[in-house]
PDB file of N, CA and C in Angstrom:
ATOM      1  N   MET A   1     108.224 123.722  38.311  1.00  0.00           N
ATOM      2  CA  MET A   1     108.532 122.318  38.442  1.00  0.00           C
ATOM      3  C   MET A   1     108.186 121.852  39.854  1.00  0.00           C
ATOM      4  N   LYS A   2     107.545 120.696  39.932  1.00  0.00           N
ATOM      5  CA  LYS A   2     107.122 120.176  41.229  1.00  0.00           C
ATOM      6  C   LYS A   2     108.278 119.549  41.988  1.00  0.00           C
ATOM      7  N   GLN A   3     108.260 119.745  43.286  1.00  0.00           N
ATOM      8  CA  GLN A   3     109.192 119.044  44.162  1.00  0.00           C
ATOM      9  C   GLN A   3     108.550 117.726  44.556  1.00  0.00           C
ATOM     10  N   HIS A   4     109.369 116.695  44.658  1.00  0.00           N
ATOM     11  CA  HIS A   4     108.871 115.373  45.035  1.00  0.00           C
ATOM     12  C   HIS A   4     109.087 115.142  46.526  1.00  0.00           C
ATOM     13  N   VAL A   5     108.051 114.609  47.162  1.00  0.00           N
ATOM     14  CA  VAL A   5     108.070 114.290  48.578  1.00  0.00           C
ATOM     15  C   VAL A   5     107.811 112.793  48.719  1.00  0.00           C
ATOM     16  N   LEU A   6     108.610 112.132  49.544  1.00  0.00           N
ATOM     17  CA  LEU A   6     108.383 110.721  49.850  1.00  0.00           C
ATOM     18  C   LEU A   6     107.634 110.648  51.170  1.00  0.00           C
ATOM     19  N   LEU A   7     106.500 109.962  51.155  1.00  0.00           N
ATOM     20  CA  LEU A   7     105.699 109.772  52.358  1.00  0.00           C
ATOM     21  C   LEU A   7     105.770 108.301  52.756  1.00  0.00           C
ATOM     22  N   VAL A   8     106.192 108.062  53.965  1.00  0.00           N
ATOM     23  CA  VAL A   8     106.270 106.709  54.512  1.00  0.00           C
ATOM     24  C   VAL A   8     105.143 106.579  55.533  1.00  0.00           C
ATOM     25  N   GLY A   9     104.344 105.539  55.404  1.00  0.00           N
ATOM     26  CA  GLY A   9     103.232 105.340  56.334  1.00  0.00           C
ATOM     27  C   GLY A   9     101.897 105.796  55.768  1.00  0.00           C
ATOM     28  N   ILE A  10     101.786 105.832  54.459  1.00  0.00           N
ATOM     29  CA  ILE A  10     100.569 106.329  53.810  1.00  0.00           C
ATOM     30  C   ILE A  10      99.350 105.444  54.062  1.00  0.00           C
ATOM     31  N   THR A  11      99.555 104.193  54.434  1.00  0.00           N
ATOM     32  CA  THR A  11      98.410 103.299  54.618  1.00  0.00           C
ATOM     33  C   THR A  11      97.680 103.523  55.937  1.00  0.00           C
ATOM     34  N   GLY A  12      98.290 104.266  56.843  1.00  0.00           N
ATOM     35  CA  GLY A  12      97.640 104.562  58.121  1.00  0.00           C
ATOM     36  C   GLY A  12      96.744 105.788  58.023  1.00  0.00           C
ATOM     37  N   MET A  13      95.963 105.984  59.066  1.00  0.00           N
ATOM     38  CA  MET A  13      95.027 107.106  59.095  1.00  0.00           C
ATOM     39  C   MET A  13      95.763 108.449  58.997  1.00  0.00           C
ATOM     40  N   LEU A  14      96.829 108.617  59.771  1.00  0.00           N
ATOM     41  CA  LEU A  14      97.592 109.858  59.718  1.00  0.00           C
ATOM     42  C   LEU A  14      98.259 110.031  58.356  1.00  0.00           C
ATOM     43  N   GLY A  15      98.851 108.966  57.843  1.00  0.00           N
ATOM     44  CA  GLY A  15      99.509 109.033  56.545  1.00  0.00           C
ATOM     45  C   GLY A  15      98.578 109.447  55.431  1.00  0.00           C
ATOM     46  N   GLN A  16      97.359 108.954  55.452  1.00  0.00           N
ATOM     47  CA  GLN A  16      96.401 109.324  54.412  1.00  0.00           C
ATOM     48  C   GLN A  16      95.997 110.792  54.526  1.00  0.00           C
ATOM     49  N   LYS A  17      95.884 111.287  55.753  1.00  0.00           N
ATOM     50  CA  LYS A  17      95.570 112.711  55.951  1.00  0.00           C
ATOM     51  C   LYS A  17      96.722 113.589  55.450  1.00  0.00           C
ATOM     52  N   ILE A  18      97.942 113.180  55.755  1.00  0.00           N
ATOM     53  CA  ILE A  18      99.109 113.935  55.292  1.00  0.00           C
ATOM     54  C   ILE A  18      99.162 113.926  53.768  1.00  0.00           C
ATOM     55  N   ALA A  19      98.922 112.762  53.172  1.00  0.00           N
ATOM     56  CA  ALA A  19      98.939 112.660  51.708  1.00  0.00           C
ATOM     57  C   ALA A  19      97.926 113.606  51.087  1.00  0.00           C
ATOM     58  N   GLY A  20      96.742 113.644  51.643  1.00  0.00           N
ATOM     59  CA  GLY A  20      95.712 114.541  51.122  1.00  0.00           C
ATOM     60  C   GLY A  20      96.139 115.996  51.188  1.00  0.00           C
ATOM     61  N   ALA A  21      96.750 116.377  52.302  1.00  0.00           N
ATOM     62  CA  ALA A  21      97.212 117.763  52.455  1.00  0.00           C
ATOM     63  C   ALA A  21      98.335 118.089  51.473  1.00  0.00           C
ATOM     64  N   LEU A  22      99.237 117.136  51.260  1.00  0.00           N
ATOM     65  CA  LEU A  22     100.323 117.362  50.302  1.00  0.00           C
ATOM     66  C   LEU A  22      99.783 117.490  48.884  1.00  0.00           C
ATOM     67  N   LEU A  23      98.811 116.647  48.552  1.00  0.00           N
ATOM     68  CA  LEU A  23      98.233 116.678  47.209  1.00  0.00           C
ATOM     69  C   LEU A  23      97.443 117.956  46.939  1.00  0.00           C
ATOM     70  N   ASP A  24      96.988 118.616  47.989  1.00  0.00           N
ATOM     71  CA  ASP A  24      96.282 119.886  47.820  1.00  0.00           C
ATOM     72  C   ASP A  24      97.211 120.992  47.346  1.00  0.00           C
ATOM     73  N   ARG A  25      98.513 120.773  47.469  1.00  0.00           N
ATOM     74  CA  ARG A  25      99.497 121.753  47.019  1.00  0.00           C
ATOM     75  C   ARG A  25      99.895 121.457  45.583  1.00  0.00           C
ATOM     76  N   SER A  26      99.769 122.419  44.728  1.00  0.00           N
ATOM     77  CA  SER A  26     100.072 122.215  43.311  1.00  0.00           C
ATOM     78  C   SER A  26     101.564 122.139  43.027  1.00  0.00           C
ATOM     79  N   ASP A  27     102.398 122.513  44.007  1.00  0.00           N
ATOM     80  CA  ASP A  27     103.845 122.520  43.782  1.00  0.00           C
ATOM     81  C   ASP A  27     104.524 121.226  44.236  1.00  0.00           C
ATOM     82  N   LEU A  28     103.741 120.239  44.698  1.00  0.00           N
ATOM     83  CA  LEU A  28     104.316 118.992  45.205  1.00  0.00           C
ATOM     84  C   LEU A  28     103.798 117.777  44.461  1.00  0.00           C
ATOM     85  N   ALA A  29     104.677 116.794  44.303  1.00  0.00           N
ATOM     86  CA  ALA A  29     104.315 115.473  43.804  1.00  0.00           C
ATOM     87  C   ALA A  29     104.594 114.493  44.940  1.00  0.00           C
ATOM     88  N   VAL A  30     103.692 113.556  45.155  1.00  0.00           N
ATOM     89  CA  VAL A  30     103.801 112.656  46.291  1.00  0.00           C
ATOM     90  C   VAL A  30     104.133 111.242  45.833  1.00  0.00           C
ATOM     91  N   ARG A  31     105.195 110.714  46.416  1.00  0.00           N
ATOM     92  CA  ARG A  31     105.591 109.320  46.231  1.00  0.00           C
ATOM     93  C   ARG A  31     105.412 108.647  47.584  1.00  0.00           C
ATOM     94  N   ALA A  32     104.881 107.431  47.593  1.00  0.00           N
ATOM     95  CA  ALA A  32     104.630 106.745  48.859  1.00  0.00           C
ATOM     96  C   ALA A  32     105.348 105.399  48.882  1.00  0.00           C
ATOM     97  N   LEU A  33     106.043 105.152  49.972  1.00  0.00           N
ATOM     98  CA  LEU A  33     106.720 103.876  50.178  1.00  0.00           C
ATOM     99  C   LEU A  33     105.729 102.889  50.768  1.00  0.00           C
ATOM    100  N   VAL A  34     105.555 101.755  50.102  1.00  0.00           N
ATOM    101  CA  VAL A  34     104.675 100.693  50.592  1.00  0.00           C
ATOM    102  C   VAL A  34     105.401  99.361  50.458  1.00  0.00           C
ATOM    103  N   ARG A  35     105.041  98.426  51.317  1.00  0.00           N
ATOM    104  CA  ARG A  35     105.692  97.121  51.250  1.00  0.00           C
ATOM    105  C   ARG A  35     105.188  96.273  50.097  1.00  0.00           C
ATOM    106  N   ASN A  36     103.932  96.432  49.708  1.00  0.00           N
ATOM    107  CA  ASN A  36     103.367  95.651  48.614  1.00  0.00           C
ATOM    108  C   ASN A  36     102.393  96.543  47.854  1.00  0.00           C
ATOM    109  N   SER A  37     102.844  97.097  46.736  1.00  0.00           N
ATOM    110  CA  SER A  37     102.010  98.064  46.026  1.00  0.00           C
ATOM    111  C   SER A  37     100.752  97.434  45.455  1.00  0.00           C
ATOM    112  N   ALA A  38     100.812  96.193  45.024  1.00  0.00           N
ATOM    113  CA  ALA A  38      99.620  95.550  44.449  1.00  0.00           C
ATOM    114  C   ALA A  38      98.515  95.416  45.494  1.00  0.00           C
ATOM    115  N   ALA A  39      98.879  95.059  46.710  1.00  0.00           N
ATOM    116  CA  ALA A  39      97.891  94.876  47.772  1.00  0.00           C
ATOM    117  C   ALA A  39      97.286  96.200  48.213  1.00  0.00           C
ATOM    118  N   ARG A  40      97.978  97.301  48.004  1.00  0.00           N
ATOM    119  CA  ARG A  40      97.529  98.601  48.495  1.00  0.00           C
ATOM    120  C   ARG A  40      96.736  99.407  47.473  1.00  0.00           C
ATOM    121  N   ARG A  41      96.685  98.969  46.244  1.00  0.00           N
ATOM    122  CA  ARG A  41      96.031  99.774  45.197  1.00  0.00           C
ATOM    123  C   ARG A  41      94.561 100.036  45.496  1.00  0.00           C
ATOM    124  N   THR A  42      93.853  99.067  46.041  1.00  0.00           N
ATOM    125  CA  THR A  42      92.441  99.268  46.368  1.00  0.00           C
ATOM    126  C   THR A  42      92.296 100.212  47.555  1.00  0.00           C
ATOM    127  N   ASP A  43      93.091  99.984  48.604  1.00  0.00           N
ATOM    128  CA  ASP A  43      93.022 100.825  49.805  1.00  0.00           C
ATOM    129  C   ASP A  43      93.323 102.294  49.496  1.00  0.00           C
ATOM    130  N   LEU A  44      94.227 102.508  48.582  1.00  0.00           N
ATOM    131  CA  LEU A  44      94.708 103.858  48.296  1.00  0.00           C
ATOM    132  C   LEU A  44      94.146 104.441  47.004  1.00  0.00           C
ATOM    133  N   ALA A  45      93.121 103.813  46.459  1.00  0.00           N
ATOM    134  CA  ALA A  45      92.575 104.232  45.159  1.00  0.00           C
ATOM    135  C   ALA A  45      92.279 105.736  45.078  1.00  0.00           C
ATOM    136  N   PRO A  46      91.646 106.340  46.086  1.00  0.00           N
ATOM    137  CA  PRO A  46      91.373 107.778  45.971  1.00  0.00           C
ATOM    138  C   PRO A  46      92.650 108.623  45.877  1.00  0.00           C
ATOM    139  N   LEU A  47      93.687 108.232  46.612  1.00  0.00           N
ATOM    140  CA  LEU A  47      94.941 108.984  46.559  1.00  0.00           C
ATOM    141  C   LEU A  47      95.689 108.712  45.264  1.00  0.00           C
ATOM    142  N   LEU A  48      95.628 107.491  44.778  1.00  0.00           N
ATOM    143  CA  LEU A  48      96.262 107.169  43.498  1.00  0.00           C
ATOM    144  C   LEU A  48      95.606 107.954  42.371  1.00  0.00           C
ATOM    145  N   ALA A  49      94.292 108.104  42.447  1.00  0.00           N
ATOM    146  CA  ALA A  49      93.571 108.871  41.432  1.00  0.00           C
ATOM    147  C   ALA A  49      93.998 110.339  41.437  1.00  0.00           C
ATOM    148  N   ARG A  50      94.489 110.805  42.567  1.00  0.00           N
ATOM    149  CA  ARG A  50      94.960 112.190  42.682  1.00  0.00           C
ATOM    150  C   ARG A  50      96.433 112.331  42.327  1.00  0.00           C
ATOM    151  N   GLY A  51      97.091 111.213  41.989  1.00  0.00           N
ATOM    152  CA  GLY A  51      98.458 111.308  41.500  1.00  0.00           C
ATOM    153  C   GLY A  51      99.546 110.733  42.370  1.00  0.00           C
ATOM    154  N   VAL A  52      99.218 110.095  43.481  1.00  0.00           N
ATOM    155  CA  VAL A  52     100.261 109.485  44.315  1.00  0.00           C
ATOM    156  C   VAL A  52     100.951 108.372  43.528  1.00  0.00           C
ATOM    157  N   GLU A  53     102.261 108.359  43.605  1.00  0.00           N
ATOM    158  CA  GLU A  53     103.077 107.302  42.985  1.00  0.00           C
ATOM    159  C   GLU A  53     103.500 106.332  44.086  1.00  0.00           C
ATOM    160  N   LEU A  54     103.255 105.034  43.882  1.00  0.00           N
ATOM    161  CA  LEU A  54     103.685 104.039  44.852  1.00  0.00           C
ATOM    162  C   LEU A  54     105.030 103.464  44.453  1.00  0.00           C
ATOM    163  N   VAL A  55     105.880 103.256  45.437  1.00  0.00           N
ATOM    164  CA  VAL A  55     107.157 102.596  45.224  1.00  0.00           C
ATOM    165  C   VAL A  55     107.312 101.556  46.332  1.00  0.00           C
ATOM    166  N   GLU A  56     107.715 100.358  45.944  1.00  0.00           N
ATOM    167  CA  GLU A  56     107.857  99.288  46.927  1.00  0.00           C
ATOM    168  C   GLU A  56     109.202  99.357  47.627  1.00  0.00           C
ATOM    169  N   GLY A  57     109.164  99.077  48.917  1.00  0.00           N
ATOM    170  CA  GLY A  57     110.367  99.042  49.723  1.00  0.00           C
ATOM    171  C   GLY A  57     110.001  98.721  51.153  1.00  0.00           C
ATOM    172  N   ASP A  58     111.009  98.585  51.987  1.00  0.00           N
ATOM    173  CA  ASP A  58     110.795  98.254  53.386  1.00  0.00           C
ATOM    174  C   ASP A  58     111.837  98.997  54.211  1.00  0.00           C
ATOM    175  N   LEU A  59     111.398  99.677  55.245  1.00  0.00           N
ATOM    176  CA  LEU A  59     112.323 100.440  56.084  1.00  0.00           C
ATOM    177  C   LEU A  59     113.398  99.579  56.721  1.00  0.00           C
ATOM    178  N   LEU A  60     113.114  98.303  56.894  1.00  0.00           N
ATOM    179  CA  LEU A  60     114.084  97.403  57.508  1.00  0.00           C
ATOM    180  C   LEU A  60     115.043  96.794  56.486  1.00  0.00           C
ATOM    181  N   THR A  61     114.886  97.167  55.218  1.00  0.00           N
ATOM    182  CA  THR A  61     115.770  96.714  54.145  1.00  0.00           C
ATOM    183  C   THR A  61     116.313  97.954  53.437  1.00  0.00           C
ATOM    184  N   PRO A  62     117.386  98.533  53.959  1.00  0.00           N
ATOM    185  CA  PRO A  62     117.893  99.799  53.419  1.00  0.00           C
ATOM    186  C   PRO A  62     118.138  99.804  51.913  1.00  0.00           C
ATOM    187  N   ALA A  63     118.587  98.708  51.345  1.00  0.00           N
ATOM    188  CA  ALA A  63     118.854  98.677  49.900  1.00  0.00           C
ATOM    189  C   ALA A  63     117.587  98.900  49.082  1.00  0.00           C
ATOM    190  N   SER A  64     116.437  98.599  49.654  1.00  0.00           N
ATOM    191  CA  SER A  64     115.178  98.769  48.925  1.00  0.00           C
ATOM    192  C   SER A  64     114.735 100.235  48.887  1.00  0.00           C
ATOM    193  N   LEU A  65     115.433 101.092  49.584  1.00  0.00           N
ATOM    194  CA  LEU A  65     115.014 102.487  49.683  1.00  0.00           C
ATOM    195  C   LEU A  65     115.625 103.392  48.624  1.00  0.00           C
ATOM    196  N   ASP A  66     116.618 102.899  47.896  1.00  0.00           N
ATOM    197  CA  ASP A  66     117.284 103.735  46.895  1.00  0.00           C
ATOM    198  C   ASP A  66     116.304 104.320  45.885  1.00  0.00           C
ATOM    199  N   ALA A  67     115.448 103.479  45.331  1.00  0.00           N
ATOM    200  CA  ALA A  67     114.483 103.952  44.335  1.00  0.00           C
ATOM    201  C   ALA A  67     113.471 104.902  44.965  1.00  0.00           C
ATOM    202  N   ALA A  68     113.129 104.662  46.217  1.00  0.00           N
ATOM    203  CA  ALA A  68     112.131 105.493  46.882  1.00  0.00           C
ATOM    204  C   ALA A  68     112.619 106.926  47.081  1.00  0.00           C
ATOM    205  N   VAL A  69     113.883 107.093  47.425  1.00  0.00           N
ATOM    206  CA  VAL A  69     114.393 108.431  47.741  1.00  0.00           C
ATOM    207  C   VAL A  69     115.013 109.149  46.546  1.00  0.00           C
ATOM    208  N   ALA A  70     115.149 108.469  45.436  1.00  0.00           N
ATOM    209  CA  ALA A  70     115.767 109.090  44.257  1.00  0.00           C
ATOM    210  C   ALA A  70     114.949 110.302  43.801  1.00  0.00           C
ATOM    211  N   GLY A  71     115.572 111.449  43.813  1.00  0.00           N
ATOM    212  CA  GLY A  71     114.937 112.663  43.310  1.00  0.00           C
ATOM    213  C   GLY A  71     113.971 113.354  44.247  1.00  0.00           C
ATOM    214  N   VAL A  72     113.861 112.911  45.484  1.00  0.00           N
ATOM    215  CA  VAL A  72     112.926 113.571  46.400  1.00  0.00           C
ATOM    216  C   VAL A  72     113.615 114.713  47.143  1.00  0.00           C
ATOM    217  N   SER A  73     112.830 115.712  47.486  1.00  0.00           N
ATOM    218  CA  SER A  73     113.334 116.861  48.236  1.00  0.00           C
ATOM    219  C   SER A  73     113.155 116.683  49.730  1.00  0.00           C
ATOM    220  N   ALA A  74     112.177 115.855  50.116  1.00  0.00           N
ATOM    221  CA  ALA A  74     111.892 115.667  51.535  1.00  0.00           C
ATOM    222  C   ALA A  74     111.273 114.299  51.767  1.00  0.00           C
ATOM    223  N   VAL A  75     111.481 113.793  52.978  1.00  0.00           N
ATOM    224  CA  VAL A  75     110.866 112.546  53.408  1.00  0.00           C
ATOM    225  C   VAL A  75     110.011 112.862  54.631  1.00  0.00           C
ATOM    226  N   ILE A  76     108.763 112.413  54.591  1.00  0.00           N
ATOM    227  CA  ILE A  76     107.855 112.590  55.722  1.00  0.00           C
ATOM    228  C   ILE A  76     107.472 111.209  56.213  1.00  0.00           C
ATOM    229  N   SER A  77     107.607 110.999  57.514  1.00  0.00           N
ATOM    230  CA  SER A  77     107.278 109.702  58.090  1.00  0.00           C
ATOM    231  C   SER A  77     106.038 109.791  58.958  1.00  0.00           C
ATOM    232  N   ALA A  78     105.078 108.921  58.646  1.00  0.00           N
ATOM    233  CA  ALA A  78     103.879 108.762  59.469  1.00  0.00           C
ATOM    234  C   ALA A  78     103.833 107.327  59.978  1.00  0.00           C
ATOM    235  N   VAL A  79     105.020 106.760  60.179  1.00  0.00           N
ATOM    236  CA  VAL A  79     105.149 105.378  60.637  1.00  0.00           C
ATOM    237  C   VAL A  79     104.869 105.323  62.131  1.00  0.00           C
ATOM    238  N   GLY A  80     104.215 104.267  62.555  1.00  0.00           N
ATOM    239  CA  GLY A  80     103.897 104.084  63.965  1.00  0.00           C
ATOM    240  C   GLY A  80     105.141 103.936  64.817  1.00  0.00           C
ATOM    241  N   ASN A  81     104.944 103.700  66.079  1.00  0.00           N
ATOM    242  CA  ASN A  81     106.057 103.674  67.023  1.00  0.00           C
ATOM    243  C   ASN A  81     106.598 102.266  67.270  1.00  0.00           C
ATOM    244  N   GLN A  82     106.979 101.589  66.215  1.00  0.00           N
ATOM    245  CA  GLN A  82     107.585 100.276  66.330  1.00  0.00           C
ATOM    246  C   GLN A  82     109.064 100.456  66.697  1.00  0.00           C
ATOM    247  N   ASP A  83     109.504  99.796  67.750  1.00  0.00           N
ATOM    248  CA  ASP A  83     110.865  99.986  68.248  1.00  0.00           C
ATOM    249  C   ASP A  83     111.932  99.793  67.175  1.00  0.00           C
ATOM    250  N   GLU A  84     111.778  98.810  66.294  1.00  0.00           N
ATOM    251  CA  GLU A  84     112.807  98.547  65.294  1.00  0.00           C
ATOM    252  C   GLU A  84     112.876  99.628  64.218  1.00  0.00           C
ATOM    253  N   LEU A  85     111.906 100.527  64.172  1.00  0.00           N
ATOM    254  CA  LEU A  85     111.900 101.590  63.175  1.00  0.00           C
ATOM    255  C   LEU A  85     112.323 102.943  63.733  1.00  0.00           C
ATOM    256  N   ILE A  86     112.584 103.006  65.022  1.00  0.00           N
ATOM    257  CA  ILE A  86     112.940 104.276  65.648  1.00  0.00           C
ATOM    258  C   ILE A  86     114.442 104.317  65.878  1.00  0.00           C
ATOM    259  N   TYR A  87     115.065 105.391  65.393  1.00  0.00           N
ATOM    260  CA  TYR A  87     116.502 105.592  65.569  1.00  0.00           C
ATOM    261  C   TYR A  87     116.701 106.823  66.422  1.00  0.00           C
ATOM    262  N   THR A  88     117.526 106.727  67.415  1.00  0.00           N
ATOM    263  CA  THR A  88     117.809 107.880  68.246  1.00  0.00           C
ATOM    264  C   THR A  88     119.113 108.525  67.799  1.00  0.00           C
ATOM    265  N   GLY A  89     119.248 109.790  68.106  1.00  0.00           N
ATOM    266  CA  GLY A  89     120.501 110.441  67.764  1.00  0.00           C
ATOM    267  C   GLY A  89     120.278 111.826  67.236  1.00  0.00           C
TER     268      GLY A  89
END
């Protein structure tokens, strides 16, 4: 049975590289958090063809993340260094 991984930041250069590496593993399924899945379908077509599942949400709207994290074993962030997205502690 595959473990599910949530990847945040898949639309960036690093995120796409990470997604490709995760998809190369037969034991993982990749879910990606995006703000607008319809707008990203063309940009991410090669990764979608390999099985990436898109889920809409926004890191600044915690309630939107419930569906994204449901059933995942790990979360990987490739989000840039925007101050409002960085938590210390």
